[in-house]
Each structure stands twice: as structure tokens, then as C-alpha cells.
Amino acid sequence: MLNFDFYKKNINFLSAGFFLTFAASIGQTFYIAIFANDIKDEIGLTHGSFGGLYTIATLMSAFVMLWLGKTVDIFKTQYLAFIALICLALASFFVTVAASFYTLLITIFLLRLFGQGMSTHIATTFMAKTYSKTRGKAISVSVLGRAAGEMFMPAIAIILITTVGWRVTWTISGAVILFIIAPLCFYLLRTIPSIDLENKSDKQEFIDVVKHYNRLEVAKDKLFYILMLGILVPPFITTGIFFHSIHILEIKNWPIETYAYTMPLFSLFLIISVLFSGWAVDRWSAVKLLPLYLIPLATGVLILSIGNNIVTIYFFMAFAGITTGLATAITGALWAELYGIKYLGSIKSMVMAYVVASTAIAPGIIGFLIDFGISIESQIFIFSIYIYIISIIFLIVRKSDKRLQ
């Protein structure tokens, strides 16, 4: 399962992917949600208005990703990653001066664009294009950076908020990215990677096997939209729940600190499933794993919706971590398996735009429904039923479409 020679030969590029997704954490919902109450109280926003702002900012970033994401197919990864990280650091600094609805809107737009969007997109696309036979393992290593962020950053953020305040905490986050992570990634990406294909004939054989679809051809493919019905589920649901996590804790009378304390459990199971899924994708392929990877999330969401004991959130975090880990390797490799690698950056930027848009819609929809009196427990119960249905659809489609067999 573990090929230490592969990791040793490619340590620089794998490390760069790790640090890119780690830095992207400050643009992810799990991190921004920690500051939600402070931001809402200081600027004077309700659940619905803050959720709506978050939705608008994230949708804006999704729209820009359609264009900006294509640059992965054009520019050298070393420079593109460096620029994206600098922009992410600057966005973190902007949080410290956000004092109104509109300045906060611009700030969150930049965090989402260069955090959740470009930093993650650059890392996973680079791995998918560079590696073929070990694509799953390469993607899984890069995604471990996100897992490390989810494991450590919430607790660190809470400690910093308590000691220096929430605005200074954002300044520290930006400084770490600007002065440590950005230069480090620039250095790590300075040379050509040791590609896992050992000779030209092997590489040519792989290239010839797959038709290389461009983005327009993918956009006309019905299978793409069927797959997106399920692929968008983990980011949509986990974003919605994490964004409103403080509200869930309050209505269930659980300690507010529980969110930060259970995030490491989420990350632990994410790491385990990422490592397994990287090996599994290389062993069986991403398409064959599609019908299975959403089931743990469906189970966790169902338990969270009906449970009142505090142990409920531990079950949810564990099951959500499993699906999130599986999803990162499976969806990271899926598009290369189905549509080839020549236009992969352009295709994945379209996928990322949908993903970002789904994370934009989730907080706003859930927030407004809460304001209108529909409990979040009722909402996530419906989510769980939907996930089970999509898993069944994936099983049916996998058996009926030749490309998924």
C-alpha cells in the first residue's frame, strides 16, 4: 500500500501540494466559521444576512474560477502557486480592516477565491496531470495538508482569539502564509518532478488510452451532470453544517468549544480515508469507488439530525471525515480517468466553480430557512435521505455506462 520510494523521489512536489492545501484552510468554511459570531456581532448581521453575504462572495469566486482556473494549463505551477498564496495572505490581512457589509463581502470573496478555490485547485490539478499510475497516492498526499489544517487550526485559532483577539489572529494567519509557506512552495516547485511513469513508451500508452475532452465537450456530456449531483454533496453539506455549527451546538445545548475539539476527529478519519483512497484509486480506479464513498456521510448526517446526546457530533465528524477523505482522492482522479489530462486544468476549474458555488449556496439557504423557522435538524435529515438516493443512482449509472465499468 505504501511505496516509500515514490514518496522519497517526489518529496518536493508532494510537500508543495501539502502546504498549498494547508494554506487554503483559511479560506475554508471550517476556519471562517470559528469567527462567525464575532463578525456578526461586530458588523451587526443576522444568521440570514451573514449567510447571504457568504453566499454572494462565494458565488463571485466561483464565477471567477471559471476563468482563473484555466491558468493551470497555461502557466508554470511554481509561479502560479506563489502568486495565489500571496493573494491569499493579503486577503487574510484585509479581514483585520473589514468594518462593513461591503468590505467583508470583498474580503470573503478573496479568501474563498484564493483559499478554497485556487490554492486547492493548483495542488490537485498539478498532481493529477503529473502522475498517472500513482495519481491516487499523489493527490492523497497533497490533500493531507487540508486535513492537517482541519486538525490543528481551529484549536490554534481559538487560543489566539482568546489571547490576542480575532482580528490579530487573521493577521498572524496571513503572515505565516506570506513569509513562510509562499516562499517555501516557490522553492519546492523549482525543478521537474520525478514522474511515476518510468519510460516514454509507458507514458505514451497511457496518453493514447484516454480521449482528451475539452471543456465544451465535457459540458455537453450528460454523465458529467449526473456525477455532479453526488460530487457536490460533500462540499455542500459539510460547508452548510460547519458554517452553522455554532448554531447547532446552541440549539442542542452542547458546549461551544465542542466544534473545535471535534474537528481533530474529523481530520483523523479524513487522513485515514485519504491514505486508503489514494491506494484504492490506484488499485481499482476512481469510477469503481463512486457508489460507495457517500454512504458514510449519509449515515453521519442522519445521526446528527436525530441525536441529542453530545456523542452524536463525534459520530458525525468521524463519518463526515471518512467521506471527505474518500472524495478528495476519488474526485481528484475521476476527471483524468474519464476525460484525459490535456485540458484537465480547464475541466477541473469548471468542476471547482460548481463546488465553490455549492458551498456558496449552502450557508445562505440553511441560514434563511433557519430565519423562517425551519430547524436545521429537519434540513439535514432531508440531506441524509438525498445522499442515500444519490448513492443508489451512482450504482445504477456505473452498471449502465461503459465508461464507468
Protein backbone atom coordinates (compact mmCIF):
# COMPACT_ATOMS: atom_id res chain seq x y z
CA MET A 1 0.00 0.00 0.00
CA LEU A 2 2.88 2.37 0.81
CA ASN A 3 5.54 2.96 -1.84
CA PHE A 4 8.22 4.79 0.13
CA ASP A 5 10.46 5.05 -2.91
CA PHE A 6 7.77 7.05 -4.70
CA TYR A 7 7.38 9.45 -1.76
CA LYS A 8 11.16 9.84 -1.42
CA LYS A 9 11.70 10.63 -5.11
CA ASN A 10 8.83 13.13 -5.22
CA ILE A 11 9.12 14.68 -1.77
CA ASN A 12 9.46 18.27 -3.04
CA PHE A 13 6.34 18.28 -5.19
CA LEU A 14 4.27 16.29 -2.74
CA SER A 15 5.29 18.68 0.04
CA ALA A 16 4.34 21.68 -2.09
CA GLY A 17 0.90 20.18 -2.64
CA PHE A 18 0.59 19.58 1.09
CA PHE A 19 1.45 23.18 2.00
CA LEU A 20 -0.83 24.60 -0.69
CA THR A 21 -3.88 22.80 0.67
CA PHE A 22 -2.82 23.57 4.25
CA ALA A 23 -2.66 27.29 3.48
CA ALA A 24 -6.03 27.03 1.73
CA SER A 25 -7.56 26.25 5.14
CA ILE A 26 -8.02 29.93 5.96
CA GLY A 27 -10.37 30.21 3.00
CA GLN A 28 -12.36 27.13 4.00
CA THR A 29 -15.67 27.32 5.84
CA PHE A 30 -14.47 25.34 8.86
CA TYR A 31 -11.97 28.11 9.66
CA ILE A 32 -14.13 31.12 8.81
CA ALA A 33 -16.99 29.66 10.88
CA ILE A 34 -14.89 29.99 14.05
CA PHE A 35 -15.07 33.77 13.66
CA ALA A 36 -18.76 33.86 12.64
CA ASN A 37 -20.22 35.11 15.92
CA ASP A 38 -17.52 37.78 16.37
CA ILE A 39 -18.00 39.02 12.83
CA LYS A 40 -21.81 39.02 13.04
CA ASP A 41 -21.82 40.82 16.39
CA GLU A 42 -19.34 43.50 15.38
CA ILE A 43 -20.85 44.27 11.97
CA GLY A 44 -24.46 43.64 13.04
CA LEU A 45 -25.53 40.71 10.88
CA THR A 46 -28.17 38.02 11.42
CA HIS A 47 -27.83 34.32 10.55
CA GLY A 48 -29.57 35.01 7.26
CA SER A 49 -27.70 38.18 6.30
CA PHE A 50 -24.29 36.72 7.09
CA GLY A 51 -25.21 33.54 5.26
CA GLY A 52 -26.40 35.62 2.32
CA LEU A 53 -23.17 37.63 2.28
CA TYR A 54 -21.18 34.42 2.38
CA THR A 55 -23.26 33.04 -0.49
CA ILE A 56 -22.74 36.11 -2.66
CA ALA A 57 -18.99 36.24 -2.00
CA THR A 58 -18.54 32.55 -2.73
CA LEU A 59 -20.65 32.69 -5.90
CA MET A 60 -18.48 35.56 -7.09
CA SER A 61 -15.39 33.45 -6.50
CA ALA A 62 -16.99 30.53 -8.36
CA PHE A 63 -17.62 32.73 -11.39
CA VAL A 64 -14.03 34.00 -11.41
CA MET A 65 -12.73 30.41 -11.03
CA LEU A 66 -14.20 29.54 -14.43
CA TRP A 67 -11.63 31.85 -15.98
CA LEU A 68 -8.81 31.87 -13.44
CA GLY A 69 -8.71 28.08 -13.06
CA LYS A 70 -7.70 27.63 -16.71
CA THR A 71 -4.36 29.28 -15.96
CA VAL A 72 -3.16 25.93 -14.54
CA ASP A 73 -2.99 24.66 -18.15
CA ILE A 74 -1.02 27.72 -19.26
CA PHE A 75 1.44 28.98 -16.63
CA LYS A 76 4.20 27.29 -14.68
CA THR A 77 2.93 25.88 -11.41
CA GLN A 78 5.79 27.39 -9.41
CA TYR A 79 4.81 30.98 -10.24
CA LEU A 80 1.07 30.39 -10.20
CA ALA A 81 1.17 28.83 -6.72
CA PHE A 82 3.38 31.63 -5.39
CA ILE A 83 1.03 34.34 -6.67
CA ALA A 84 -2.07 32.55 -5.34
CA LEU A 85 -0.53 32.23 -1.87
CA ILE A 86 0.47 35.90 -1.78
CA CYS A 87 -3.08 36.89 -2.72
CA LEU A 88 -4.44 34.57 -0.02
CA ALA A 89 -2.16 36.16 2.58
CA LEU A 90 -3.28 39.65 1.55
CA ALA A 91 -6.92 38.56 1.86
CA SER A 92 -6.19 37.43 5.41
CA PHE A 93 -4.78 40.87 6.19
CA PHE A 94 -7.90 42.52 4.73
CA VAL A 95 -10.05 40.77 7.35
CA THR A 96 -8.42 42.93 10.02
CA VAL A 97 -9.84 46.11 8.45
CA ALA A 98 -13.26 44.80 7.37
CA ALA A 99 -15.80 47.01 9.15
CA SER A 100 -18.90 46.96 6.94
CA PHE A 101 -21.05 44.61 4.88
CA TYR A 102 -19.28 45.54 1.64
CA THR A 103 -15.69 45.37 2.89
CA LEU A 104 -16.48 41.99 4.46
CA LEU A 105 -18.02 40.86 1.17
CA ILE A 106 -14.82 41.67 -0.74
CA THR A 107 -12.66 40.06 1.92
CA ILE A 108 -14.55 36.77 1.97
CA PHE A 109 -14.61 36.76 -1.83
CA LEU A 110 -10.81 36.89 -1.88
CA LEU A 111 -10.46 34.27 0.85
CA ARG A 112 -12.76 31.88 -0.98
CA LEU A 113 -11.19 32.52 -4.40
CA PHE A 114 -7.56 32.02 -3.41
CA GLY A 115 -8.14 29.64 -0.49
CA GLN A 116 -10.88 27.17 -1.25
CA GLY A 117 -10.51 27.91 -4.97
CA MET A 118 -7.07 28.44 -6.48
CA SER A 119 -4.71 27.00 -3.85
CA THR A 120 -6.61 23.72 -3.73
CA HIS A 121 -7.16 23.69 -7.50
CA ILE A 122 -3.48 24.22 -8.28
CA ALA A 123 -2.37 21.45 -5.92
CA THR A 124 -4.82 18.74 -7.02
CA THR A 125 -4.67 19.55 -10.75
CA PHE A 126 -0.89 19.54 -10.76
CA MET A 127 -0.85 16.11 -9.10
CA ALA A 128 -3.48 14.71 -11.46
CA LYS A 129 -1.65 15.95 -14.56
CA THR A 130 1.83 14.97 -13.41
CA TYR A 131 1.12 11.43 -12.22
CA SER A 132 -0.90 8.60 -13.74
CA LYS A 133 -0.09 5.21 -12.23
CA THR A 134 0.29 6.74 -8.76
CA ARG A 135 -2.20 9.58 -9.24
CA GLY A 136 -4.31 8.50 -6.28
CA LYS A 137 -1.37 8.49 -3.86
CA ALA A 138 -0.07 11.84 -5.14
CA ILE A 139 -3.44 13.54 -4.73
CA SER A 140 -3.98 11.98 -1.31
CA VAL A 141 -0.66 13.34 -0.03
CA SER A 142 -1.46 16.86 -1.22
CA VAL A 143 -4.89 16.73 0.41
CA LEU A 144 -3.32 15.77 3.74
CA GLY A 145 -2.47 19.46 4.05
CA ARG A 146 -6.16 20.25 4.34
CA ALA A 147 -6.53 17.50 6.94
CA ALA A 148 -3.67 18.98 8.97
CA GLY A 149 -5.35 22.38 8.78
CA GLU A 150 -8.66 20.99 9.98
CA MET A 151 -6.94 19.12 12.78
CA PHE A 152 -4.84 21.92 14.24
CA MET A 153 -6.07 25.31 13.04
CA PRO A 154 -9.43 25.50 14.87
CA ALA A 155 -7.81 24.91 18.27
CA ILE A 156 -4.95 27.30 17.47
CA ALA A 157 -7.42 29.94 16.28
CA ILE A 158 -9.49 29.71 19.47
CA ILE A 159 -6.37 30.07 21.60
CA LEU A 160 -5.25 33.09 19.59
CA ILE A 161 -8.71 34.68 19.65
CA THR A 162 -8.76 34.34 23.43
CA THR A 163 -5.30 35.86 23.86
CA VAL A 164 -4.90 38.47 21.10
CA GLY A 165 -8.36 38.89 19.55
CA TRP A 166 -9.96 37.67 16.34
CA ARG A 167 -8.58 40.39 14.05
CA VAL A 168 -4.96 39.86 15.12
CA THR A 169 -5.49 36.14 14.61
CA TRP A 170 -6.17 36.80 10.93
CA THR A 171 -3.02 38.94 10.75
CA ILE A 172 -0.95 36.06 12.12
CA SER A 173 -2.53 33.64 9.63
CA GLY A 174 -1.64 35.91 6.72
CA ALA A 175 1.91 36.45 7.96
CA VAL A 176 2.58 32.71 8.18
CA ILE A 177 1.45 32.24 4.57
CA LEU A 178 3.25 35.30 3.22
CA PHE A 179 6.62 34.84 4.90
CA ILE A 180 6.85 31.05 5.32
CA ILE A 181 4.52 28.97 3.13
CA ALA A 182 4.64 31.03 -0.10
CA PRO A 183 8.48 31.16 -0.30
CA LEU A 184 8.70 27.50 0.72
CA CYS A 185 6.34 26.38 -2.07
CA PHE A 186 8.23 28.52 -4.58
CA TYR A 187 11.42 26.71 -3.59
CA LEU A 188 9.87 23.22 -3.60
CA LEU A 189 8.42 23.70 -7.09
CA ARG A 190 11.69 24.82 -8.66
CA THR A 191 12.51 21.57 -10.51
CA ILE A 192 10.79 19.00 -12.72
CA PRO A 193 9.05 16.21 -10.74
CA SER A 194 10.13 12.59 -10.85
CA ILE A 195 7.11 11.32 -12.81
CA ASP A 196 5.99 7.83 -11.87
CA LEU A 197 5.95 6.65 -15.47
CA GLU A 198 9.33 5.06 -15.98
CA ASN A 199 9.74 5.45 -19.70
CA LYS A 200 8.32 7.25 -22.67
CA SER A 201 6.54 4.24 -24.08
CA ASP A 202 4.59 3.74 -20.82
CA LYS A 203 3.63 7.39 -20.80
CA GLN A 204 2.56 7.29 -24.44
CA GLU A 205 0.48 4.18 -23.77
CA PHE A 206 -1.38 5.98 -21.01
CA ILE A 207 -1.96 9.07 -23.12
CA ASP A 208 -3.33 7.04 -26.03
CA VAL A 209 -5.82 5.14 -23.87
CA VAL A 210 -7.92 8.17 -23.00
CA LYS A 211 -9.68 10.60 -25.29
CA HIS A 212 -8.81 14.10 -24.23
CA TYR A 213 -12.06 16.04 -23.88
CA ASN A 214 -12.04 19.82 -23.87
CA ARG A 215 -14.29 21.78 -21.54
CA LEU A 216 -17.03 22.34 -24.12
CA GLU A 217 -17.25 18.59 -24.81
CA VAL A 218 -17.47 17.86 -21.09
CA ALA A 219 -20.17 20.50 -20.67
CA LYS A 220 -22.26 18.64 -23.30
CA ASP A 221 -21.80 15.25 -21.62
CA LYS A 222 -24.90 14.12 -19.66
CA LEU A 223 -22.79 11.83 -17.50
CA PHE A 224 -20.91 14.85 -16.15
CA TYR A 225 -24.08 16.36 -14.68
CA ILE A 226 -25.25 13.05 -13.22
CA LEU A 227 -21.92 12.70 -11.45
CA MET A 228 -22.05 16.28 -10.19
CA LEU A 229 -25.34 15.54 -8.40
CA GLY A 230 -23.33 13.41 -6.00
CA ILE A 231 -19.90 15.01 -6.15
CA LEU A 232 -21.33 18.32 -4.93
CA VAL A 233 -22.92 16.64 -1.90
CA PRO A 234 -19.90 16.57 0.49
CA PRO A 235 -18.86 20.21 -0.02
CA PHE A 236 -22.45 21.45 0.09
CA ILE A 237 -23.47 19.61 3.24
CA THR A 238 -20.24 19.87 5.23
CA THR A 239 -19.98 23.57 4.40
CA GLY A 240 -23.57 24.20 5.48
CA ILE A 241 -23.18 22.28 8.73
CA PHE A 242 -19.75 23.70 9.59
CA PHE A 243 -20.87 27.24 8.81
CA HIS A 244 -23.84 26.91 11.16
CA SER A 245 -22.03 24.66 13.64
CA ILE A 246 -22.23 27.20 16.47
CA HIS A 247 -25.99 27.42 15.94
CA ILE A 248 -26.28 23.61 16.06
CA LEU A 249 -24.32 23.50 19.31
CA GLU A 250 -26.51 26.21 20.83
CA ILE A 251 -29.86 24.60 19.99
CA LYS A 252 -28.65 21.21 21.24
CA ASN A 253 -27.23 22.77 24.41
CA TRP A 254 -23.72 21.49 23.76
CA PRO A 255 -20.61 23.49 24.75
CA ILE A 256 -19.49 25.93 22.05
CA GLU A 257 -15.92 24.62 22.31
CA THR A 258 -17.14 21.20 21.11
CA TYR A 259 -16.77 22.26 17.46
CA ALA A 260 -13.05 22.98 17.81
CA TYR A 261 -12.46 19.90 19.95
CA THR A 262 -14.16 17.52 17.50
CA MET A 263 -12.50 18.88 14.34
CA PRO A 264 -9.35 16.81 15.04
CA LEU A 265 -11.56 13.69 14.97
CA PHE A 266 -12.88 14.77 11.57
CA SER A 267 -9.32 15.28 10.39
CA LEU A 268 -8.10 11.98 11.81
CA PHE A 269 -10.69 9.98 9.90
CA LEU A 270 -10.11 12.17 6.85
CA ILE A 271 -6.40 11.32 6.94
CA ILE A 272 -7.07 7.59 7.32
CA SER A 273 -9.57 7.56 4.45
CA VAL A 274 -7.34 9.76 2.25
CA LEU A 275 -4.46 7.34 2.60
CA PHE A 276 -6.74 4.38 1.92
CA SER A 277 -8.50 6.03 -1.01
CA GLY A 278 -5.20 7.02 -2.64
CA TRP A 279 -4.17 3.37 -2.66
CA ALA A 280 -7.70 2.23 -3.63
CA VAL A 281 -7.89 4.60 -6.61
CA ASP A 282 -4.57 3.30 -7.92
CA ARG A 283 -5.75 -0.28 -7.29
CA TRP A 284 -9.32 -0.17 -8.65
CA SER A 285 -9.83 3.30 -10.23
CA ALA A 286 -11.97 6.22 -9.09
CA VAL A 287 -15.02 5.32 -11.16
CA LYS A 288 -15.44 1.95 -9.43
CA LEU A 289 -15.49 3.57 -5.99
CA LEU A 290 -18.20 6.14 -6.81
CA PRO A 291 -21.26 4.26 -5.45
CA LEU A 292 -19.66 3.74 -2.03
CA TYR A 293 -17.95 6.90 -0.88
CA LEU A 294 -21.06 8.96 0.02
CA ILE A 295 -22.62 6.37 2.35
CA PRO A 296 -20.59 7.28 5.48
CA LEU A 297 -21.62 10.95 5.16
CA ALA A 298 -25.28 9.98 4.78
CA THR A 299 -25.05 7.95 7.98
CA GLY A 300 -23.28 10.71 9.91
CA VAL A 301 -25.76 13.38 8.81
CA LEU A 302 -28.70 11.13 9.76
CA ILE A 303 -27.26 10.55 13.24
CA LEU A 304 -26.64 14.29 13.74
CA SER A 305 -30.19 15.17 12.70
CA ILE A 306 -31.92 12.88 15.20
CA GLY A 307 -29.41 12.68 18.07
CA ASN A 308 -29.42 14.87 21.17
CA ASN A 309 -26.53 13.37 23.11
CA ILE A 310 -23.21 15.15 22.65
CA VAL A 311 -21.66 11.91 21.39
CA THR A 312 -23.74 12.47 18.25
CA ILE A 313 -21.37 15.12 16.93
CA TYR A 314 -18.42 12.76 17.37
CA PHE A 315 -20.13 10.21 15.14
CA PHE A 316 -20.92 12.89 12.58
CA MET A 317 -17.35 14.19 12.50
CA ALA A 318 -15.95 10.68 12.06
CA PHE A 319 -18.32 9.69 9.23
CA ALA A 320 -18.04 13.08 7.52
CA GLY A 321 -14.25 12.79 7.68
CA ILE A 322 -14.37 9.38 6.01
CA THR A 323 -16.42 10.62 3.06
CA THR A 324 -14.42 13.84 2.72
CA GLY A 325 -11.19 11.87 2.62
CA LEU A 326 -12.54 9.41 0.08
CA ALA A 327 -13.93 12.25 -2.02
CA THR A 328 -10.64 14.10 -2.31
CA ALA A 329 -8.76 11.24 -3.95
CA ILE A 330 -11.73 9.87 -5.90
CA THR A 331 -12.89 13.16 -7.40
CA GLY A 332 -9.31 14.33 -7.86
CA ALA A 333 -8.58 11.37 -10.14
CA LEU A 334 -12.03 10.87 -11.67
CA TRP A 335 -11.87 13.61 -14.30
CA ALA A 336 -8.47 12.49 -15.56
CA GLU A 337 -9.78 8.93 -15.89
CA LEU A 338 -12.89 9.99 -17.79
CA TYR A 339 -11.74 12.98 -19.82
CA GLY A 340 -7.94 12.80 -20.10
CA ILE A 341 -5.30 15.26 -18.89
CA LYS A 342 -4.65 17.60 -21.82
CA TYR A 343 -7.38 20.06 -20.80
CA LEU A 344 -7.62 18.92 -17.18
CA GLY A 345 -6.98 22.35 -15.66
CA SER A 346 -9.82 23.85 -17.67
CA ILE A 347 -12.18 20.97 -16.83
CA LYS A 348 -11.33 20.98 -13.13
CA SER A 349 -11.78 24.75 -12.98
CA MET A 350 -15.34 24.21 -14.20
CA VAL A 351 -15.83 21.49 -11.59
CA MET A 352 -14.29 23.72 -8.93
CA ALA A 353 -16.66 26.52 -9.93
CA TYR A 354 -19.60 24.19 -9.29
CA VAL A 355 -18.07 23.07 -5.99
CA VAL A 356 -17.46 26.63 -4.87
CA ALA A 357 -20.98 27.60 -5.95
CA SER A 358 -22.44 24.73 -3.91
CA THR A 359 -20.55 25.88 -0.84
CA ALA A 360 -21.85 29.37 -1.54
CA ILE A 361 -25.47 28.31 -1.68
CA ALA A 362 -25.42 26.07 1.39
CA PRO A 363 -24.86 28.66 4.17
CA GLY A 364 -27.33 31.10 2.63
CA ILE A 365 -30.11 28.57 2.09
CA ILE A 366 -29.73 27.00 5.52
CA GLY A 367 -29.45 30.41 7.20
CA PHE A 368 -32.58 31.82 5.56
CA LEU A 369 -34.55 28.65 6.29
CA ILE A 370 -33.49 28.94 9.95
CA ASP A 371 -34.70 32.54 9.97
CA PHE A 372 -38.03 31.35 8.51
CA GLY A 373 -38.46 28.80 11.28
CA ILE A 374 -37.34 25.56 9.60
CA SER A 375 -34.99 23.83 12.04
CA ILE A 376 -31.55 22.82 10.92
CA GLU A 377 -32.21 19.29 12.20
CA SER A 378 -35.09 18.94 9.75
CA GLN A 379 -32.94 20.25 6.92
CA ILE A 380 -30.03 17.88 7.47
CA PHE A 381 -32.38 14.91 7.89
CA ILE A 382 -33.58 15.57 4.34
CA PHE A 383 -29.94 15.82 3.24
CA SER A 384 -29.27 12.31 4.54
CA ILE A 385 -32.15 10.84 2.54
CA TYR A 386 -30.91 12.61 -0.59
CA ILE A 387 -27.40 11.18 -0.18
CA TYR A 388 -28.70 7.60 0.09
CA ILE A 389 -30.73 8.12 -3.09
CA ILE A 390 -27.73 9.52 -4.99
CA SER A 391 -25.61 6.54 -3.94
CA ILE A 392 -28.19 4.21 -5.46
CA ILE A 393 -28.23 6.30 -8.67
CA PHE A 394 -24.44 6.08 -8.88
CA LEU A 395 -24.64 2.30 -8.62
CA ILE A 396 -27.19 2.14 -11.43
CA VAL A 397 -25.23 4.51 -13.67
CA ARG A 398 -21.96 2.67 -13.09
CA LYS A 399 -23.51 -0.54 -14.37
CA SER A 400 -25.18 1.11 -17.37
CA ASP A 401 -22.46 3.46 -18.70
CA LYS A 402 -19.47 1.73 -20.32
CA ARG A 403 -17.09 4.49 -19.28
CA LEU A 404 -17.76 3.69 -15.61
CA GLN A 405 -17.19 -0.06 -15.90
